[in-house]
Amino acid sequence: MKIKTLVVGLGKIGIGYDLNKKNKESLSHCSSVINSKKFKLVGGVDKDKNKKIPFERCYGNLFFDDLKYALLKTSPSFVIISSSTNSHLEIVKKISNLNYKNLDKVKFILIEKPMGMNFSQAKKIVSFCEKNKIKLLVNYFRNYNKNFINITQKNNNYTHGKIIYSGGMINNGSHFLCLFLILFGKILKVEKSYFKKINDYDYRFTGLIYFEKAKLLFKNNVHTTKKHSFVLRNNNNFIEYDNKKNTITNKSSVSKKLIIKKKTHIKNPQNIVLDQIYRFMIKKNCNICTGSFALKVYKDLEKIKNII
């Protein structure tokens, strides 16, 4: 039996990336769910009623503009939250309240990062889910890109490196922070060289972050044309990720000879997300980020912001 899935938030990642596109990849949540053999799309929710026509043109008469009614009508066991960050806490509250009344329970939630507008909101979201026995997952996609995992785990003794990221540290830099917390352990020290608040919850940051096993320079791309990239080094070799070329390369630090080069682009990325979620649901080995680990990431993001 397929897992009944409700998607809340019908923006780009909800449906938009798969509207009026030429390729056949599943880049949005609704597209990946509707094409899945394990999950069943039972509805899409958005307060913006203008989303009704494009949604139902693709997915049938499954649009809702009221979350509570959608939950009661569809009884999903899995909810994907892909709405704006400032709405996440309220959505989780509504889901939790229905669960509390012993109606058909939501068992799993996938939430787009960042979880909340600040650490306090993220903590409340995790708490609501824990109290109502909902398994919370956060969509840090680089954690389960096999090309990142395989090439870094083979030589996980890098001691220093540089990361370039775009936009804000919480919205985009957190992808790398989450991955490197797994690879290099907890943060010991942070040295800021540049900081600027960019909206109600996010900020640009450039500076050194000292992990247990490595020292990494995080650099915001406000002064460079690069969007996302990183280089990790040790005495023997180095690994380089280039978002523009969609490649990850391992070379010898001594001879500069190529060891391995792989494409990082994955077709149908949201299908990979669903596969990881399903593995989590049936208690198989997976690399998806849990709500509790994502909260640790958010706590470190708050520490970085508050360092003078």
C-alpha atoms as a PDB file:
ATOM      1  CA  MET A   1       0.000   0.000   0.000  1.00  0.00           C
ATOM      2  CA  LYS A   2       1.347   3.428  -0.978  1.00  0.00           C
ATOM      3  CA  ILE A   3       2.111   5.990   1.726  1.00  0.00           C
ATOM      4  CA  LYS A   4      -0.456   8.810   1.685  1.00  0.00           C
ATOM      5  CA  THR A   5       1.421  12.080   1.208  1.00  0.00           C
ATOM      6  CA  LEU A   6       0.286  15.700   1.544  1.00  0.00           C
ATOM      7  CA  VAL A   7       2.458  18.551   0.193  1.00  0.00           C
ATOM      8  CA  VAL A   8       2.082  21.880   2.024  1.00  0.00           C
ATOM      9  CA  GLY A   9       3.462  24.855   0.098  1.00  0.00           C
ATOM     10  CA  LEU A  10       3.193  24.934  -3.698  1.00  0.00           C
ATOM     11  CA  GLY A  11       6.032  27.254  -4.604  1.00  0.00           C
ATOM     12  CA  LYS A  12       9.107  26.329  -6.638  1.00  0.00           C
ATOM     13  CA  ILE A  13      10.171  23.249  -4.695  1.00  0.00           C
ATOM     14  CA  GLY A  14       6.530  22.224  -4.160  1.00  0.00           C
ATOM     15  CA  ILE A  15       5.476  22.270  -7.850  1.00  0.00           C
ATOM     16  CA  GLY A  16       7.115  25.232  -9.616  1.00  0.00           C
ATOM     17  CA  TYR A  17      10.339  23.652 -10.837  1.00  0.00           C
ATOM     18  CA  ASP A  18       8.321  21.116 -12.859  1.00  0.00           C
ATOM     19  CA  LEU A  19       5.903  23.553 -14.490  1.00  0.00           C
ATOM     20  CA  ASN A  20       6.549  24.483 -18.137  1.00  0.00           C
ATOM     21  CA  LYS A  21       9.922  22.748 -18.274  1.00  0.00           C
ATOM     22  CA  LYS A  22      11.439  20.950 -21.230  1.00  0.00           C
ATOM     23  CA  ASN A  23      13.295  18.139 -19.437  1.00  0.00           C
ATOM     24  CA  LYS A  24      11.597  15.177 -17.776  1.00  0.00           C
ATOM     25  CA  GLU A  25      13.351  15.284 -14.413  1.00  0.00           C
ATOM     26  CA  SER A  26      11.406  15.422 -11.138  1.00  0.00           C
ATOM     27  CA  LEU A  27      12.689  18.578  -9.470  1.00  0.00           C
ATOM     28  CA  SER A  28       9.687  19.300  -7.241  1.00  0.00           C
ATOM     29  CA  HIS A  29       8.066  17.326  -4.434  1.00  0.00           C
ATOM     30  CA  CYS A  30       4.667  16.878  -6.105  1.00  0.00           C
ATOM     31  CA  SER A  31       6.184  15.511  -9.293  1.00  0.00           C
ATOM     32  CA  SER A  32       8.357  12.995  -7.452  1.00  0.00           C
ATOM     33  CA  VAL A  33       5.458  11.825  -5.251  1.00  0.00           C
ATOM     34  CA  ILE A  34       3.009  11.421  -8.143  1.00  0.00           C
ATOM     35  CA  ASN A  35       5.567   9.292 -10.036  1.00  0.00           C
ATOM     36  CA  SER A  36       6.538   7.178  -7.026  1.00  0.00           C
ATOM     37  CA  LYS A  37       5.676   3.515  -6.570  1.00  0.00           C
ATOM     38  CA  LYS A  38       5.843   3.852  -2.786  1.00  0.00           C
ATOM     39  CA  PHE A  39       4.109   7.190  -2.133  1.00  0.00           C
ATOM     40  CA  LYS A  40       0.691   8.520  -3.137  1.00  0.00           C
ATOM     41  CA  LEU A  41      -0.086  12.228  -3.540  1.00  0.00           C
ATOM     42  CA  VAL A  42      -3.389  12.875  -1.731  1.00  0.00           C
ATOM     43  CA  GLY A  43      -3.313  16.664  -1.880  1.00  0.00           C
ATOM     44  CA  GLY A  44      -1.485  19.941  -2.215  1.00  0.00           C
ATOM     45  CA  VAL A  45      -2.053  22.863   0.171  1.00  0.00           C
ATOM     46  CA  ASP A  46      -1.430  26.578  -0.330  1.00  0.00           C
ATOM     47  CA  LYS A  47      -3.165  29.703   0.987  1.00  0.00           C
ATOM     48  CA  ASP A  48      -2.709  31.315  -2.436  1.00  0.00           C
ATOM     49  CA  LYS A  49      -5.801  30.259  -4.404  1.00  0.00           C
ATOM     50  CA  ASN A  50      -4.027  31.238  -7.644  1.00  0.00           C
ATOM     51  CA  LYS A  51      -2.007  28.018  -7.232  1.00  0.00           C
ATOM     52  CA  LYS A  52      -5.194  25.953  -7.716  1.00  0.00           C
ATOM     53  CA  ILE A  53      -5.304  26.024 -11.529  1.00  0.00           C
ATOM     54  CA  PRO A  54      -1.643  25.118 -12.235  1.00  0.00           C
ATOM     55  CA  PHE A  55      -1.682  22.464  -9.495  1.00  0.00           C
ATOM     56  CA  GLU A  56      -4.893  20.756 -10.611  1.00  0.00           C
ATOM     57  CA  ARG A  57      -3.855  20.960 -14.267  1.00  0.00           C
ATOM     58  CA  CYS A  58      -0.958  18.658 -13.371  1.00  0.00           C
ATOM     59  CA  TYR A  59      -2.263  16.608 -10.440  1.00  0.00           C
ATOM     60  CA  GLY A  60      -6.083  16.567 -10.564  1.00  0.00           C
ATOM     61  CA  ASN A  61      -8.712  17.776  -8.116  1.00  0.00           C
ATOM     62  CA  LEU A  62      -6.470  17.643  -5.035  1.00  0.00           C
ATOM     63  CA  PHE A  63      -5.955  21.321  -4.177  1.00  0.00           C
ATOM     64  CA  PHE A  64      -6.713  22.724  -0.696  1.00  0.00           C
ATOM     65  CA  ASP A  65      -6.338  26.269   0.643  1.00  0.00           C
ATOM     66  CA  ASP A  66      -6.984  25.218   4.259  1.00  0.00           C
ATOM     67  CA  LEU A  67      -4.490  22.932   5.992  1.00  0.00           C
ATOM     68  CA  LYS A  68      -6.800  21.657   8.736  1.00  0.00           C
ATOM     69  CA  TYR A  69      -9.481  20.668   6.229  1.00  0.00           C
ATOM     70  CA  ALA A  70      -6.858  19.019   3.997  1.00  0.00           C
ATOM     71  CA  LEU A  71      -5.548  16.937   6.905  1.00  0.00           C
ATOM     72  CA  LEU A  72      -9.045  15.823   7.916  1.00  0.00           C
ATOM     73  CA  LYS A  73     -10.059  15.059   4.328  1.00  0.00           C
ATOM     74  CA  THR A  74      -6.954  13.178   3.194  1.00  0.00           C
ATOM     75  CA  SER A  75      -5.638  11.569   6.437  1.00  0.00           C
ATOM     76  CA  PRO A  76      -1.979  11.533   5.322  1.00  0.00           C
ATOM     77  CA  SER A  77       0.664   9.622   7.245  1.00  0.00           C
ATOM     78  CA  PHE A  78       3.419  11.732   5.635  1.00  0.00           C
ATOM     79  CA  VAL A  79       3.491  15.527   5.162  1.00  0.00           C
ATOM     80  CA  ILE A  80       6.062  17.485   3.147  1.00  0.00           C
ATOM     81  CA  ILE A  81       6.370  21.117   4.278  1.00  0.00           C
ATOM     82  CA  SER A  82       7.780  23.253   1.455  1.00  0.00           C
ATOM     83  CA  SER A  83       6.182  26.588   2.381  1.00  0.00           C
ATOM     84  CA  SER A  84       7.945  29.802   3.447  1.00  0.00           C
ATOM     85  CA  THR A  85      10.182  29.568   6.527  1.00  0.00           C
ATOM     86  CA  ASN A  86       8.000  31.893   8.612  1.00  0.00           C
ATOM     87  CA  SER A  87       5.047  29.475   8.253  1.00  0.00           C
ATOM     88  CA  HIS A  88       6.804  26.264   9.368  1.00  0.00           C
ATOM     89  CA  LEU A  89       6.092  26.514  13.097  1.00  0.00           C
ATOM     90  CA  GLU A  90       2.380  27.230  12.644  1.00  0.00           C
ATOM     91  CA  ILE A  91       1.988  24.338  10.190  1.00  0.00           C
ATOM     92  CA  VAL A  92       3.687  21.881  12.562  1.00  0.00           C
ATOM     93  CA  LYS A  93       1.430  23.157  15.388  1.00  0.00           C
ATOM     94  CA  LYS A  94      -1.710  22.435  13.352  1.00  0.00           C
ATOM     95  CA  ILE A  95      -0.499  18.956  12.444  1.00  0.00           C
ATOM     96  CA  SER A  96       0.409  18.261  16.074  1.00  0.00           C
ATOM     97  CA  ASN A  97      -2.972  19.482  17.373  1.00  0.00           C
ATOM     98  CA  LEU A  98      -4.854  17.103  15.092  1.00  0.00           C
ATOM     99  CA  ASN A  99      -2.607  14.239  16.185  1.00  0.00           C
ATOM    100  CA  TYR A 100      -3.284  15.162  19.790  1.00  0.00           C
ATOM    101  CA  LYS A 101      -7.026  14.727  19.218  1.00  0.00           C
ATOM    102  CA  ASN A 102      -6.410  11.104  18.231  1.00  0.00           C
ATOM    103  CA  LEU A 103      -7.537  11.529  14.646  1.00  0.00           C
ATOM    104  CA  ASP A 104      -5.650   9.780  11.859  1.00  0.00           C
ATOM    105  CA  LYS A 105      -2.077  10.528  12.818  1.00  0.00           C
ATOM    106  CA  VAL A 106       0.693  12.035  10.719  1.00  0.00           C
ATOM    107  CA  LYS A 107       3.701   9.799  11.378  1.00  0.00           C
ATOM    108  CA  PHE A 108       6.425  11.540   9.351  1.00  0.00           C
ATOM    109  CA  ILE A 109       7.209  15.118   8.316  1.00  0.00           C
ATOM    110  CA  LEU A 110       9.831  16.308   5.829  1.00  0.00           C
ATOM    111  CA  ILE A 111      10.531  20.019   6.222  1.00  0.00           C
ATOM    112  CA  GLU A 112      12.587  22.208   3.930  1.00  0.00           C
ATOM    113  CA  LYS A 113      15.498  23.975   5.567  1.00  0.00           C
ATOM    114  CA  PRO A 114      15.773  26.190   7.467  1.00  0.00           C
ATOM    115  CA  MET A 115      13.331  24.729   9.989  1.00  0.00           C
ATOM    116  CA  GLY A 116      12.348  28.061  11.521  1.00  0.00           C
ATOM    117  CA  MET A 117      13.095  31.766  11.605  1.00  0.00           C
ATOM    118  CA  ASN A 118      15.510  31.226  14.485  1.00  0.00           C
ATOM    119  CA  PHE A 119      16.845  28.560  16.839  1.00  0.00           C
ATOM    120  CA  SER A 120      13.930  29.065  19.238  1.00  0.00           C
ATOM    121  CA  GLN A 121      11.364  28.300  16.522  1.00  0.00           C
ATOM    122  CA  ALA A 122      13.355  25.295  15.318  1.00  0.00           C
ATOM    123  CA  LYS A 123      13.499  23.970  18.887  1.00  0.00           C
ATOM    124  CA  LYS A 124       9.706  24.310  19.236  1.00  0.00           C
ATOM    125  CA  ILE A 125       9.164  22.446  15.942  1.00  0.00           C
ATOM    126  CA  VAL A 126      11.338  19.547  17.119  1.00  0.00           C
ATOM    127  CA  SER A 127       9.568  19.557  20.492  1.00  0.00           C
ATOM    128  CA  PHE A 128       6.061  19.455  18.951  1.00  0.00           C
ATOM    129  CA  CYS A 129       7.073  16.483  16.798  1.00  0.00           C
ATOM    130  CA  GLU A 130       8.699  14.602  19.690  1.00  0.00           C
ATOM    131  CA  LYS A 131       5.660  15.077  21.963  1.00  0.00           C
ATOM    132  CA  ASN A 132       3.321  13.760  19.284  1.00  0.00           C
ATOM    133  CA  LYS A 133       5.638  10.927  18.184  1.00  0.00           C
ATOM    134  CA  ILE A 134       6.112  12.366  14.684  1.00  0.00           C
ATOM    135  CA  LYS A 135       9.425  11.548  13.000  1.00  0.00           C
ATOM    136  CA  LEU A 136      10.837  14.840  11.729  1.00  0.00           C
ATOM    137  CA  LEU A 137      13.259  14.956   8.772  1.00  0.00           C
ATOM    138  CA  VAL A 138      14.988  17.971   7.202  1.00  0.00           C
ATOM    139  CA  ASN A 139      15.899  18.177   3.525  1.00  0.00           C
ATOM    140  CA  TYR A 140      19.671  18.755   3.526  1.00  0.00           C
ATOM    141  CA  PHE A 141      20.182  17.257   0.091  1.00  0.00           C
ATOM    142  CA  ARG A 142      23.987  17.100   0.006  1.00  0.00           C
ATOM    143  CA  ASN A 143      23.943  14.602   2.874  1.00  0.00           C
ATOM    144  CA  TYR A 144      22.700  11.893   0.527  1.00  0.00           C
ATOM    145  CA  ASN A 145      24.338  12.822  -2.736  1.00  0.00           C
ATOM    146  CA  LYS A 146      26.393   9.629  -3.197  1.00  0.00           C
ATOM    147  CA  ASN A 147      29.109  11.466  -5.110  1.00  0.00           C
ATOM    148  CA  PHE A 148      29.827  13.663  -2.078  1.00  0.00           C
ATOM    149  CA  ILE A 149      29.616  10.821   0.416  1.00  0.00           C
ATOM    150  CA  ASN A 150      31.729   8.265  -1.469  1.00  0.00           C
ATOM    151  CA  ILE A 151      34.618  10.529  -2.394  1.00  0.00           C
ATOM    152  CA  THR A 152      34.854  12.175   1.040  1.00  0.00           C
ATOM    153  CA  GLN A 153      34.529   8.986   3.070  1.00  0.00           C
ATOM    154  CA  LYS A 154      37.368   7.288   1.166  1.00  0.00           C
ATOM    155  CA  ASN A 155      39.847   9.905   2.423  1.00  0.00           C
ATOM    156  CA  ASN A 156      38.204  11.456   5.463  1.00  0.00           C
ATOM    157  CA  ASN A 157      41.453  12.852   6.875  1.00  0.00           C
ATOM    158  CA  TYR A 158      41.365  16.340   5.379  1.00  0.00           C
ATOM    159  CA  THR A 159      42.777  18.958   7.727  1.00  0.00           C
ATOM    160  CA  HIS A 160      41.874  22.258   6.064  1.00  0.00           C
ATOM    161  CA  GLY A 161      39.857  23.733   3.218  1.00  0.00           C
ATOM    162  CA  LYS A 162      37.770  26.566   1.763  1.00  0.00           C
ATOM    163  CA  ILE A 163      34.028  26.702   1.095  1.00  0.00           C
ATOM    164  CA  ILE A 164      32.331  29.294  -1.119  1.00  0.00           C
ATOM    165  CA  TYR A 165      28.554  29.630  -0.796  1.00  0.00           C
ATOM    166  CA  SER A 166      25.911  32.027  -2.119  1.00  0.00           C
ATOM    167  CA  GLY A 167      23.082  33.869  -0.390  1.00  0.00           C
ATOM    168  CA  GLY A 168      22.747  33.479   3.363  1.00  0.00           C
ATOM    169  CA  MET A 169      24.572  31.196   5.757  1.00  0.00           C
ATOM    170  CA  ILE A 170      21.352  29.742   7.178  1.00  0.00           C
ATOM    171  CA  ASN A 171      19.584  29.171   3.858  1.00  0.00           C
ATOM    172  CA  ASN A 172      22.538  27.989   1.746  1.00  0.00           C
ATOM    173  CA  GLY A 173      25.730  27.765   3.809  1.00  0.00           C
ATOM    174  CA  SER A 174      23.963  25.391   6.194  1.00  0.00           C
ATOM    175  CA  HIS A 175      24.051  22.646   3.516  1.00  0.00           C
ATOM    176  CA  PHE A 176      27.847  22.572   3.795  1.00  0.00           C
ATOM    177  CA  LEU A 177      27.856  23.093   7.557  1.00  0.00           C
ATOM    178  CA  CYS A 178      25.557  20.085   8.037  1.00  0.00           C
ATOM    179  CA  LEU A 179      27.727  17.891   5.783  1.00  0.00           C
ATOM    180  CA  PHE A 180      31.000  18.931   7.452  1.00  0.00           C
ATOM    181  CA  LEU A 181      29.652  18.484  10.980  1.00  0.00           C
ATOM    182  CA  ILE A 182      29.122  14.843  10.008  1.00  0.00           C
ATOM    183  CA  LEU A 183      32.585  14.527   8.438  1.00  0.00           C
ATOM    184  CA  PHE A 184      34.701  16.606  10.851  1.00  0.00           C
ATOM    185  CA  GLY A 185      32.904  16.580  14.203  1.00  0.00           C
ATOM    186  CA  LYS A 186      31.677  19.433  16.375  1.00  0.00           C
ATOM    187  CA  ILE A 187      32.742  23.081  16.112  1.00  0.00           C
ATOM    188  CA  LEU A 188      35.449  24.167  18.576  1.00  0.00           C
ATOM    189  CA  LYS A 189      36.019  27.791  17.586  1.00  0.00           C
ATOM    190  CA  VAL A 190      34.880  30.441  15.070  1.00  0.00           C
ATOM    191  CA  GLU A 191      36.775  33.507  13.807  1.00  0.00           C
ATOM    192  CA  LYS A 192      34.700  36.081  11.909  1.00  0.00           C
ATOM    193  CA  SER A 193      36.180  38.329   9.233  1.00  0.00           C
ATOM    194  CA  TYR A 194      32.923  39.509   7.588  1.00  0.00           C
ATOM    195  CA  PHE A 195      29.305  39.549   8.758  1.00  0.00           C
ATOM    196  CA  LYS A 196      26.129  41.188   7.435  1.00  0.00           C
ATOM    197  CA  LYS A 197      22.479  40.566   8.297  1.00  0.00           C
ATOM    198  CA  ILE A 198      20.422  40.186   5.090  1.00  0.00           C
ATOM    199  CA  ASN A 199      16.847  39.576   6.325  1.00  0.00           C
ATOM    200  CA  ASP A 200      14.808  38.704   9.440  1.00  0.00           C
ATOM    201  CA  TYR A 201      16.633  35.430  10.025  1.00  0.00           C
ATOM    202  CA  ASP A 202      19.637  35.059   7.700  1.00  0.00           C
ATOM    203  CA  TYR A 203      23.123  36.538   7.372  1.00  0.00           C
ATOM    204  CA  ARG A 204      26.256  36.563   5.226  1.00  0.00           C
ATOM    205  CA  PHE A 205      29.339  35.225   6.970  1.00  0.00           C
ATOM    206  CA  THR A 206      32.983  34.867   6.038  1.00  0.00           C
ATOM    207  CA  GLY A 207      35.451  33.397   8.512  1.00  0.00           C
ATOM    208  CA  LEU A 208      37.314  30.389   9.863  1.00  0.00           C
ATOM    209  CA  ILE A 209      35.461  27.526  11.512  1.00  0.00           C
ATOM    210  CA  TYR A 210      37.566  25.114  13.563  1.00  0.00           C
ATOM    211  CA  PHE A 211      36.019  21.631  13.658  1.00  0.00           C
ATOM    212  CA  GLU A 212      37.421  18.749  15.729  1.00  0.00           C
ATOM    213  CA  LYS A 213      39.225  17.311  12.689  1.00  0.00           C
ATOM    214  CA  ALA A 214      39.656  20.224  10.265  1.00  0.00           C
ATOM    215  CA  LYS A 215      39.937  23.998   9.888  1.00  0.00           C
ATOM    216  CA  LEU A 216      37.659  25.395   7.148  1.00  0.00           C
ATOM    217  CA  LEU A 217      37.331  28.878   5.678  1.00  0.00           C
ATOM    218  CA  PHE A 218      33.682  29.677   4.865  1.00  0.00           C
ATOM    219  CA  LYS A 219      33.507  32.492   2.311  1.00  0.00           C
ATOM    220  CA  ASN A 220      30.359  34.227   1.125  1.00  0.00           C
ATOM    221  CA  ASN A 221      30.363  34.762  -2.632  1.00  0.00           C
ATOM    222  CA  VAL A 222      29.349  38.422  -2.471  1.00  0.00           C
ATOM    223  CA  HIS A 223      32.809  39.274  -3.948  1.00  0.00           C
ATOM    224  CA  THR A 224      33.184  36.359  -6.396  1.00  0.00           C
ATOM    225  CA  THR A 225      31.367  34.945  -9.422  1.00  0.00           C
ATOM    226  CA  LYS A 226      31.426  31.421  -8.001  1.00  0.00           C
ATOM    227  CA  LYS A 227      28.132  30.185  -6.552  1.00  0.00           C
ATOM    228  CA  HIS A 228      28.950  27.055  -4.561  1.00  0.00           C
ATOM    229  CA  SER A 229      32.283  25.263  -4.332  1.00  0.00           C
ATOM    230  CA  PHE A 230      34.754  23.818  -1.878  1.00  0.00           C
ATOM    231  CA  VAL A 231      38.299  22.512  -1.659  1.00  0.00           C
ATOM    232  CA  LEU A 232      39.422  20.138   1.120  1.00  0.00           C
ATOM    233  CA  ARG A 233      43.127  19.347   1.576  1.00  0.00           C
ATOM    234  CA  ASN A 234      45.603  17.148   3.444  1.00  0.00           C
ATOM    235  CA  ASN A 235      49.286  16.304   2.898  1.00  0.00           C
ATOM    236  CA  ASN A 236      48.571  13.689   0.214  1.00  0.00           C
ATOM    237  CA  ASN A 237      45.661  14.882  -1.881  1.00  0.00           C
ATOM    238  CA  PHE A 238      42.832  17.356  -2.246  1.00  0.00           C
ATOM    239  CA  ILE A 239      39.195  17.211  -3.248  1.00  0.00           C
ATOM    240  CA  GLU A 240      37.472  19.995  -5.185  1.00  0.00           C
ATOM    241  CA  TYR A 241      33.761  20.537  -5.773  1.00  0.00           C
ATOM    242  CA  ASP A 242      32.656  22.927  -8.541  1.00  0.00           C
ATOM    243  CA  ASN A 243      28.924  23.688  -8.662  1.00  0.00           C
ATOM    244  CA  LYS A 244      29.209  25.510 -12.005  1.00  0.00           C
ATOM    245  CA  LYS A 245      30.723  22.468 -13.725  1.00  0.00           C
ATOM    246  CA  ASN A 246      28.760  19.996 -11.578  1.00  0.00           C
ATOM    247  CA  THR A 247      31.940  18.044 -10.798  1.00  0.00           C
ATOM    248  CA  ILE A 248      33.783  16.753  -7.766  1.00  0.00           C
ATOM    249  CA  THR A 249      37.467  15.988  -8.329  1.00  0.00           C
ATOM    250  CA  ASN A 250      40.101  14.191  -6.254  1.00  0.00           C
ATOM    251  CA  LYS A 251      43.777  14.970  -7.107  1.00  0.00           C
ATOM    252  CA  SER A 252      47.198  14.264  -5.647  1.00  0.00           C
ATOM    253  CA  SER A 253      48.610  17.211  -3.693  1.00  0.00           C
ATOM    254  CA  VAL A 254      52.149  16.164  -4.663  1.00  0.00           C
ATOM    255  CA  SER A 255      51.976  15.190  -8.341  1.00  0.00           C
ATOM    256  CA  LYS A 256      48.692  17.009  -9.119  1.00  0.00           C
ATOM    257  CA  LYS A 257      47.602  13.869 -10.969  1.00  0.00           C
ATOM    258  CA  LEU A 258      43.892  13.112 -11.217  1.00  0.00           C
ATOM    259  CA  ILE A 259      42.709  10.359  -8.872  1.00  0.00           C
ATOM    260  CA  ILE A 260      38.989  10.469  -9.602  1.00  0.00           C
ATOM    261  CA  LYS A 261      36.481  12.870 -11.170  1.00  0.00           C
ATOM    262  CA  LYS A 262      32.708  12.530 -10.973  1.00  0.00           C
ATOM    263  CA  LYS A 263      29.635  14.480 -12.008  1.00  0.00           C
ATOM    264  CA  THR A 264      27.671  15.690  -8.983  1.00  0.00           C
ATOM    265  CA  HIS A 265      24.407  16.309 -10.822  1.00  0.00           C
ATOM    266  CA  ILE A 266      21.794  13.703  -9.981  1.00  0.00           C
ATOM    267  CA  LYS A 267      18.800  13.163 -12.231  1.00  0.00           C
ATOM    268  CA  ASN A 268      15.436  13.339 -10.496  1.00  0.00           C
ATOM    269  CA  PRO A 269      16.889  14.646  -7.203  1.00  0.00           C
ATOM    270  CA  GLN A 270      13.573  14.650  -5.343  1.00  0.00           C
ATOM    271  CA  ASN A 271      13.201  10.946  -6.198  1.00  0.00           C
ATOM    272  CA  ILE A 272      16.439  10.403  -4.261  1.00  0.00           C
ATOM    273  CA  VAL A 273      14.912  12.330  -1.368  1.00  0.00           C
ATOM    274  CA  LEU A 274      11.862  10.048  -1.358  1.00  0.00           C
ATOM    275  CA  ASP A 275      14.064   6.968  -1.533  1.00  0.00           C
ATOM    276  CA  GLN A 276      15.992   8.151   1.540  1.00  0.00           C
ATOM    277  CA  ILE A 277      12.750   8.899   3.382  1.00  0.00           C
ATOM    278  CA  TYR A 278      11.336   5.464   2.577  1.00  0.00           C
ATOM    279  CA  ARG A 279      14.540   3.806   3.796  1.00  0.00           C
ATOM    280  CA  PHE A 280      14.207   5.775   7.024  1.00  0.00           C
ATOM    281  CA  MET A 281      10.560   4.732   7.360  1.00  0.00           C
ATOM    282  CA  ILE A 282      11.377   1.031   7.064  1.00  0.00           C
ATOM    283  CA  LYS A 283      14.451   1.453   9.311  1.00  0.00           C
ATOM    284  CA  LYS A 284      17.098   0.813   6.652  1.00  0.00           C
ATOM    285  CA  ASN A 285      20.466   2.549   6.478  1.00  0.00           C
ATOM    286  CA  CYS A 286      20.146   6.095   5.088  1.00  0.00           C
ATOM    287  CA  ASN A 287      21.820   9.512   5.212  1.00  0.00           C
ATOM    288  CA  ILE A 288      18.806  11.759   5.676  1.00  0.00           C
ATOM    289  CA  CYS A 289      19.043  14.509   8.300  1.00  0.00           C
ATOM    290  CA  THR A 290      16.790  14.064  11.332  1.00  0.00           C
ATOM    291  CA  GLY A 291      15.138  16.952  13.134  1.00  0.00           C
ATOM    292  CA  SER A 292      17.390  16.485  16.176  1.00  0.00           C
ATOM    293  CA  PHE A 293      20.595  16.708  14.103  1.00  0.00           C
ATOM    294  CA  ALA A 294      19.242  19.678  12.122  1.00  0.00           C
ATOM    295  CA  LEU A 295      18.636  21.401  15.468  1.00  0.00           C
ATOM    296  CA  LYS A 296      22.335  20.969  16.298  1.00  0.00           C
ATOM    297  CA  VAL A 297      23.184  22.562  12.944  1.00  0.00           C
ATOM    298  CA  TYR A 298      20.850  25.475  13.727  1.00  0.00           C
ATOM    299  CA  LYS A 299      22.406  25.886  17.182  1.00  0.00           C
ATOM    300  CA  ASP A 300      25.847  26.232  15.576  1.00  0.00           C
ATOM    301  CA  LEU A 301      24.444  28.716  13.037  1.00  0.00           C
ATOM    302  CA  GLU A 302      23.168  30.817  15.948  1.00  0.00           C
ATOM    303  CA  LYS A 303      26.573  30.636  17.658  1.00  0.00           C
ATOM    304  CA  ILE A 304      28.306  31.831  14.489  1.00  0.00           C
ATOM    305  CA  LYS A 305      25.838  34.750  14.194  1.00  0.00           C
ATOM    306  CA  ASN A 306      26.286  35.820  17.822  1.00  0.00           C
ATOM    307  CA  ILE A 307      30.109  35.753  17.921  1.00  0.00           C
ATOM    308  CA  ILE A 308      31.441  39.310  18.089  1.00  0.00           C
END
